[in-house]
Amino acid sequence: MTMSITKIDYEDKKEYWDYQRLLEYNRELLQKRLNRVDGKIFGPLGRVDADEFFDSIWATVSNDDLEEAPEEWIPSDPKLRFEWEKAPKKIKKKIVKSGKSVSGNVFKEYWQNKENVLY
């Protein structure tokens, strides 16, 4: 059985655990995004595998590129879960536009806005 993060351990090493969980959130988010386009990415030698692409992209990610996890997010890796967290939930990114919360395809919404379309 893998151990989750205890309350005492978290309070003792809060910055460390917060950073590890931030990295894990961004790893999961990148993997999820790449899985959606797996088989649709091609390079000079043909189809690019999503896992290989993940490794090359992840190697270039800096701290400035990291996105904050929503409060309700629970890591897939049980070692990075708090002892009071049960099971991971799907990552659901919310977009805030004009003070309203919107879920959906960011790119589709962006290009549907006439100001963003290049003619």
N, C-alpha and C. Protein backbone atom coordinates (compact mmCIF):
# COMPACT_ATOMS: atom_id res chain seq x y z
N MET A 1 0.84 -1.19 0.00
CA MET A 1 0.00 0.00 0.00
C MET A 1 0.88 1.24 0.00
N THR A 2 0.59 2.17 -0.90
CA THR A 2 1.35 3.41 -0.95
C THR A 2 0.80 4.39 0.07
N MET A 3 1.70 5.15 0.62
CA MET A 3 1.31 6.10 1.66
C MET A 3 0.92 7.44 1.04
N SER A 4 -0.16 8.01 1.53
CA SER A 4 -0.55 9.35 1.11
C SER A 4 0.11 10.36 2.04
N ILE A 5 -0.09 11.62 1.77
CA ILE A 5 0.52 12.68 2.57
C ILE A 5 -0.30 12.89 3.84
N THR A 6 0.33 12.72 4.97
CA THR A 6 -0.37 12.92 6.24
C THR A 6 -0.48 14.41 6.54
N LYS A 7 -1.41 14.76 7.41
CA LYS A 7 -1.59 16.16 7.78
C LYS A 7 -0.34 16.71 8.44
N ILE A 8 0.29 15.93 9.28
CA ILE A 8 1.51 16.36 9.98
C ILE A 8 2.64 16.59 8.98
N ASP A 9 2.81 15.64 8.05
CA ASP A 9 3.86 15.77 7.05
C ASP A 9 3.60 16.97 6.14
N TYR A 10 2.34 17.19 5.79
CA TYR A 10 2.01 18.33 4.94
C TYR A 10 2.31 19.64 5.65
N GLU A 11 1.91 19.76 6.90
CA GLU A 11 2.16 20.99 7.64
C GLU A 11 3.66 21.23 7.83
N ASP A 12 4.41 20.15 7.98
CA ASP A 12 5.86 20.25 8.16
C ASP A 12 6.58 20.66 6.87
N LYS A 13 6.08 20.19 5.71
CA LYS A 13 6.74 20.43 4.42
C LYS A 13 5.75 21.00 3.41
N LYS A 14 4.99 21.99 3.82
CA LYS A 14 3.91 22.53 2.98
C LYS A 14 4.40 22.98 1.61
N GLU A 15 5.47 23.77 1.54
CA GLU A 15 5.96 24.29 0.27
C GLU A 15 6.39 23.15 -0.66
N TYR A 16 7.05 22.16 -0.10
CA TYR A 16 7.52 21.02 -0.88
C TYR A 16 6.33 20.28 -1.48
N TRP A 17 5.33 19.92 -0.66
CA TRP A 17 4.19 19.15 -1.14
C TRP A 17 3.34 19.97 -2.12
N ASP A 18 3.19 21.26 -1.85
CA ASP A 18 2.42 22.10 -2.77
C ASP A 18 3.08 22.12 -4.14
N TYR A 19 4.41 22.20 -4.17
CA TYR A 19 5.13 22.22 -5.45
C TYR A 19 5.04 20.86 -6.16
N GLN A 20 5.18 19.78 -5.41
CA GLN A 20 5.08 18.44 -6.01
C GLN A 20 3.70 18.22 -6.62
N ARG A 21 2.67 18.67 -5.92
CA ARG A 21 1.31 18.53 -6.43
C ARG A 21 1.07 19.44 -7.64
N LEU A 22 1.67 20.63 -7.63
CA LEU A 22 1.57 21.53 -8.78
C LEU A 22 2.20 20.89 -10.01
N LEU A 23 3.37 20.29 -9.84
CA LEU A 23 4.01 19.59 -10.96
C LEU A 23 3.15 18.43 -11.45
N GLU A 24 2.60 17.66 -10.53
CA GLU A 24 1.78 16.51 -10.91
C GLU A 24 0.53 16.96 -11.66
N TYR A 25 -0.10 18.02 -11.21
CA TYR A 25 -1.28 18.53 -11.90
C TYR A 25 -0.93 18.88 -13.35
N ASN A 26 0.18 19.57 -13.53
CA ASN A 26 0.58 19.98 -14.86
C ASN A 26 1.02 18.80 -15.72
N ARG A 27 1.63 17.78 -15.12
CA ARG A 27 1.95 16.56 -15.86
C ARG A 27 0.68 15.89 -16.37
N GLU A 28 -0.30 15.74 -15.47
CA GLU A 28 -1.57 15.12 -15.84
C GLU A 28 -2.30 15.94 -16.90
N LEU A 29 -2.28 17.25 -16.76
CA LEU A 29 -2.95 18.13 -17.71
C LEU A 29 -2.31 18.03 -19.09
N LEU A 30 -0.98 18.05 -19.16
CA LEU A 30 -0.28 17.92 -20.43
C LEU A 30 -0.56 16.56 -21.06
N GLN A 31 -0.51 15.50 -20.25
CA GLN A 31 -0.77 14.16 -20.77
C GLN A 31 -2.19 14.05 -21.31
N LYS A 32 -3.15 14.63 -20.61
CA LYS A 32 -4.54 14.60 -21.06
C LYS A 32 -4.69 15.33 -22.39
N ARG A 33 -4.05 16.48 -22.51
CA ARG A 33 -4.13 17.26 -23.74
C ARG A 33 -3.47 16.51 -24.90
N LEU A 34 -2.34 15.88 -24.64
CA LEU A 34 -1.66 15.14 -25.70
C LEU A 34 -2.43 13.88 -26.10
N ASN A 35 -3.09 13.24 -25.15
CA ASN A 35 -3.90 12.06 -25.47
C ASN A 35 -5.04 12.40 -26.43
N ARG A 36 -5.56 13.62 -26.33
CA ARG A 36 -6.64 14.04 -27.23
C ARG A 36 -6.16 14.16 -28.68
N VAL A 37 -4.86 14.45 -28.87
CA VAL A 37 -4.34 14.62 -30.23
C VAL A 37 -3.44 13.47 -30.66
N ASP A 38 -3.40 12.40 -29.86
CA ASP A 38 -2.54 11.26 -30.19
C ASP A 38 -2.94 10.69 -31.55
N GLY A 39 -1.95 10.47 -32.37
CA GLY A 39 -2.20 9.96 -33.71
C GLY A 39 -2.46 11.05 -34.73
N LYS A 40 -2.52 12.28 -34.26
CA LYS A 40 -2.78 13.41 -35.15
C LYS A 40 -1.57 14.35 -35.27
N ILE A 41 -0.46 13.98 -34.60
CA ILE A 41 0.74 14.80 -34.64
C ILE A 41 1.77 14.09 -35.52
N PHE A 42 2.28 14.82 -36.51
CA PHE A 42 3.24 14.24 -37.43
C PHE A 42 4.50 15.09 -37.50
N GLY A 43 5.64 14.42 -37.58
CA GLY A 43 6.92 15.07 -37.75
C GLY A 43 7.52 14.63 -39.07
N PRO A 44 8.78 14.98 -39.31
CA PRO A 44 9.43 14.61 -40.58
C PRO A 44 9.50 13.10 -40.81
N LEU A 45 9.48 12.32 -39.74
CA LEU A 45 9.60 10.87 -39.87
C LEU A 45 8.26 10.15 -39.69
N GLY A 46 7.17 10.88 -39.71
CA GLY A 46 5.86 10.27 -39.58
C GLY A 46 5.17 10.64 -38.28
N ARG A 47 4.26 9.76 -37.86
CA ARG A 47 3.46 10.00 -36.65
C ARG A 47 4.34 10.09 -35.41
N VAL A 48 4.03 11.06 -34.55
CA VAL A 48 4.75 11.24 -33.30
C VAL A 48 3.93 10.64 -32.17
N ASP A 49 4.55 9.78 -31.37
CA ASP A 49 3.89 9.15 -30.24
C ASP A 49 3.65 10.18 -29.13
N ALA A 50 2.47 10.19 -28.55
CA ALA A 50 2.11 11.16 -27.52
C ALA A 50 3.05 11.07 -26.32
N ASP A 51 3.46 9.86 -25.93
CA ASP A 51 4.36 9.72 -24.78
C ASP A 51 5.73 10.31 -25.06
N GLU A 52 6.25 10.10 -26.27
CA GLU A 52 7.53 10.69 -26.64
C GLU A 52 7.41 12.21 -26.72
N PHE A 53 6.30 12.68 -27.28
CA PHE A 53 6.05 14.11 -27.38
C PHE A 53 5.95 14.72 -25.99
N PHE A 54 5.31 14.00 -25.07
CA PHE A 54 5.19 14.47 -23.69
C PHE A 54 6.58 14.71 -23.10
N ASP A 55 7.48 13.73 -23.26
CA ASP A 55 8.83 13.86 -22.70
C ASP A 55 9.56 15.08 -23.25
N SER A 56 9.43 15.31 -24.54
CA SER A 56 10.15 16.45 -25.12
C SER A 56 9.53 17.78 -24.69
N ILE A 57 8.22 17.84 -24.57
CA ILE A 57 7.58 19.07 -24.11
C ILE A 57 7.85 19.30 -22.62
N TRP A 58 7.70 18.25 -21.81
CA TRP A 58 7.87 18.39 -20.36
C TRP A 58 9.27 18.88 -20.02
N ALA A 59 10.26 18.49 -20.80
CA ALA A 59 11.64 18.92 -20.56
C ALA A 59 11.82 20.42 -20.74
N THR A 60 10.91 21.06 -21.46
CA THR A 60 11.04 22.50 -21.71
C THR A 60 10.14 23.35 -20.81
N VAL A 61 9.31 22.72 -20.00
CA VAL A 61 8.37 23.45 -19.15
C VAL A 61 9.12 24.15 -18.01
N SER A 62 8.83 25.43 -17.84
CA SER A 62 9.44 26.18 -16.73
C SER A 62 8.37 26.47 -15.67
N ASN A 63 8.80 26.98 -14.55
CA ASN A 63 7.85 27.31 -13.47
C ASN A 63 6.82 28.34 -13.92
N ASP A 64 7.21 29.23 -14.83
CA ASP A 64 6.28 30.25 -15.33
C ASP A 64 5.17 29.64 -16.18
N ASP A 65 5.41 28.45 -16.73
CA ASP A 65 4.42 27.78 -17.58
C ASP A 65 3.37 27.00 -16.79
N LEU A 66 3.61 26.78 -15.51
CA LEU A 66 2.73 25.91 -14.72
C LEU A 66 1.40 26.59 -14.43
N GLU A 67 0.33 25.80 -14.53
CA GLU A 67 -1.02 26.27 -14.22
C GLU A 67 -1.41 25.77 -12.83
N GLU A 68 -2.09 26.61 -12.08
CA GLU A 68 -2.56 26.22 -10.75
C GLU A 68 -3.69 25.20 -10.87
N ALA A 69 -3.66 24.23 -10.00
CA ALA A 69 -4.71 23.20 -9.99
C ALA A 69 -5.97 23.75 -9.32
N PRO A 70 -7.13 23.35 -9.83
CA PRO A 70 -8.37 23.73 -9.13
C PRO A 70 -8.41 23.07 -7.75
N GLU A 71 -9.09 23.67 -6.82
CA GLU A 71 -9.13 23.15 -5.45
C GLU A 71 -9.67 21.73 -5.37
N GLU A 72 -10.58 21.39 -6.25
CA GLU A 72 -11.20 20.06 -6.18
C GLU A 72 -10.36 18.96 -6.82
N TRP A 73 -9.24 19.32 -7.46
CA TRP A 73 -8.39 18.33 -8.13
C TRP A 73 -7.72 17.40 -7.12
N ILE A 74 -7.70 16.11 -7.45
CA ILE A 74 -7.03 15.09 -6.64
C ILE A 74 -6.07 14.35 -7.56
N PRO A 75 -4.80 14.22 -7.17
CA PRO A 75 -3.81 13.56 -8.04
C PRO A 75 -4.14 12.10 -8.31
N SER A 76 -3.76 11.63 -9.50
CA SER A 76 -3.91 10.21 -9.83
C SER A 76 -2.92 9.37 -9.04
N ASP A 77 -1.74 9.92 -8.78
CA ASP A 77 -0.71 9.22 -8.02
C ASP A 77 -1.07 9.23 -6.53
N PRO A 78 -1.34 8.06 -5.94
CA PRO A 78 -1.76 8.01 -4.53
C PRO A 78 -0.71 8.57 -3.56
N LYS A 79 0.56 8.56 -3.94
CA LYS A 79 1.60 9.10 -3.06
C LYS A 79 1.52 10.61 -2.91
N LEU A 80 0.82 11.27 -3.83
CA LEU A 80 0.69 12.73 -3.77
C LEU A 80 -0.68 13.18 -3.28
N ARG A 81 -1.50 12.23 -2.87
CA ARG A 81 -2.82 12.56 -2.31
C ARG A 81 -2.69 12.82 -0.82
N PHE A 82 -3.54 13.70 -0.33
CA PHE A 82 -3.63 13.90 1.12
C PHE A 82 -4.39 12.71 1.70
N GLU A 83 -4.13 12.41 2.95
CA GLU A 83 -4.77 11.24 3.57
C GLU A 83 -6.29 11.38 3.61
N TRP A 84 -6.81 12.59 3.51
CA TRP A 84 -8.26 12.79 3.55
C TRP A 84 -8.89 12.80 2.14
N GLU A 85 -8.06 12.66 1.11
CA GLU A 85 -8.59 12.59 -0.26
C GLU A 85 -8.85 11.14 -0.64
N LYS A 86 -9.95 10.89 -1.29
CA LYS A 86 -10.35 9.52 -1.61
C LYS A 86 -9.85 9.08 -2.99
N ALA A 87 -10.47 9.53 -4.05
CA ALA A 87 -10.12 9.08 -5.40
C ALA A 87 -10.02 10.29 -6.31
N PRO A 88 -9.21 10.17 -7.35
CA PRO A 88 -9.04 11.33 -8.25
C PRO A 88 -10.30 11.62 -9.04
N LYS A 89 -10.44 12.89 -9.37
CA LYS A 89 -11.56 13.34 -10.20
C LYS A 89 -10.99 13.78 -11.53
N LYS A 90 -11.86 13.87 -12.52
CA LYS A 90 -11.43 14.37 -13.83
C LYS A 90 -10.98 15.81 -13.70
N ILE A 91 -9.96 16.17 -14.47
CA ILE A 91 -9.51 17.56 -14.51
C ILE A 91 -10.50 18.31 -15.38
N LYS A 92 -11.13 19.31 -14.80
CA LYS A 92 -12.09 20.10 -15.55
C LYS A 92 -11.68 21.55 -15.41
N LYS A 93 -11.21 22.11 -16.49
CA LYS A 93 -10.72 23.47 -16.49
C LYS A 93 -11.89 24.42 -16.71
N LYS A 94 -12.03 25.42 -15.86
CA LYS A 94 -13.08 26.41 -16.02
C LYS A 94 -12.44 27.68 -16.59
N ILE A 95 -13.14 28.30 -17.50
CA ILE A 95 -12.68 29.52 -18.12
C ILE A 95 -13.57 30.65 -17.62
N VAL A 96 -12.96 31.73 -17.19
CA VAL A 96 -13.75 32.86 -16.71
C VAL A 96 -13.67 33.96 -17.76
N LYS A 97 -14.85 34.35 -18.26
CA LYS A 97 -14.96 35.40 -19.26
C LYS A 97 -15.96 36.42 -18.76
N SER A 98 -15.58 37.66 -18.71
CA SER A 98 -16.48 38.75 -18.32
C SER A 98 -17.18 38.45 -16.99
N GLY A 99 -16.45 37.86 -16.05
CA GLY A 99 -17.01 37.57 -14.75
C GLY A 99 -17.91 36.35 -14.71
N LYS A 100 -18.09 35.65 -15.85
CA LYS A 100 -18.93 34.46 -15.88
C LYS A 100 -18.05 33.25 -16.09
N SER A 101 -18.37 32.17 -15.43
CA SER A 101 -17.63 30.92 -15.59
C SER A 101 -18.17 30.19 -16.81
N VAL A 102 -17.25 29.80 -17.70
CA VAL A 102 -17.64 29.13 -18.94
C VAL A 102 -16.82 27.86 -19.08
N SER A 103 -17.46 26.76 -19.42
CA SER A 103 -16.75 25.53 -19.73
C SER A 103 -16.88 25.30 -21.22
N GLY A 104 -15.83 24.74 -21.82
CA GLY A 104 -15.94 24.44 -23.24
C GLY A 104 -14.61 24.49 -23.93
N ASN A 105 -14.67 24.48 -25.24
CA ASN A 105 -13.49 24.48 -26.06
C ASN A 105 -12.97 25.91 -26.19
N VAL A 106 -11.82 26.20 -25.59
CA VAL A 106 -11.25 27.54 -25.56
C VAL A 106 -10.96 28.02 -26.98
N PHE A 107 -10.36 27.16 -27.80
CA PHE A 107 -9.97 27.57 -29.13
C PHE A 107 -11.18 27.86 -30.00
N LYS A 108 -12.22 27.04 -29.88
CA LYS A 108 -13.44 27.26 -30.66
C LYS A 108 -14.05 28.61 -30.28
N GLU A 109 -14.13 28.89 -29.00
CA GLU A 109 -14.68 30.16 -28.54
C GLU A 109 -13.84 31.33 -29.04
N TYR A 110 -12.53 31.15 -29.02
CA TYR A 110 -11.62 32.22 -29.45
C TYR A 110 -11.85 32.56 -30.92
N TRP A 111 -11.91 31.54 -31.77
CA TRP A 111 -12.04 31.79 -33.20
C TRP A 111 -13.45 32.18 -33.61
N GLN A 112 -14.43 31.89 -32.77
CA GLN A 112 -15.79 32.32 -33.08
C GLN A 112 -15.97 33.83 -32.87
N ASN A 113 -15.07 34.40 -32.08
CA ASN A 113 -15.09 35.84 -31.86
C ASN A 113 -14.55 36.52 -33.12
N LYS A 114 -15.33 37.32 -33.79
CA LYS A 114 -14.97 37.93 -35.08
C LYS A 114 -13.70 38.78 -34.98
N GLU A 115 -13.40 39.35 -33.81
CA GLU A 115 -12.22 40.19 -33.66
C GLU A 115 -10.93 39.38 -33.76
N ASN A 116 -10.98 38.07 -33.51
CA ASN A 116 -9.79 37.23 -33.51
C ASN A 116 -9.52 36.55 -34.86
N VAL A 117 -10.46 36.64 -35.78
CA VAL A 117 -10.32 35.97 -37.06
C VAL A 117 -9.47 36.83 -37.99
N LEU A 118 -8.48 36.19 -38.62
CA LEU A 118 -7.62 36.87 -39.57
C LEU A 118 -8.17 36.68 -40.98
N TYR A 119 -8.33 37.74 -41.71
CA TYR A 119 -8.86 37.66 -43.08
C TYR A 119 -7.77 37.96 -44.07
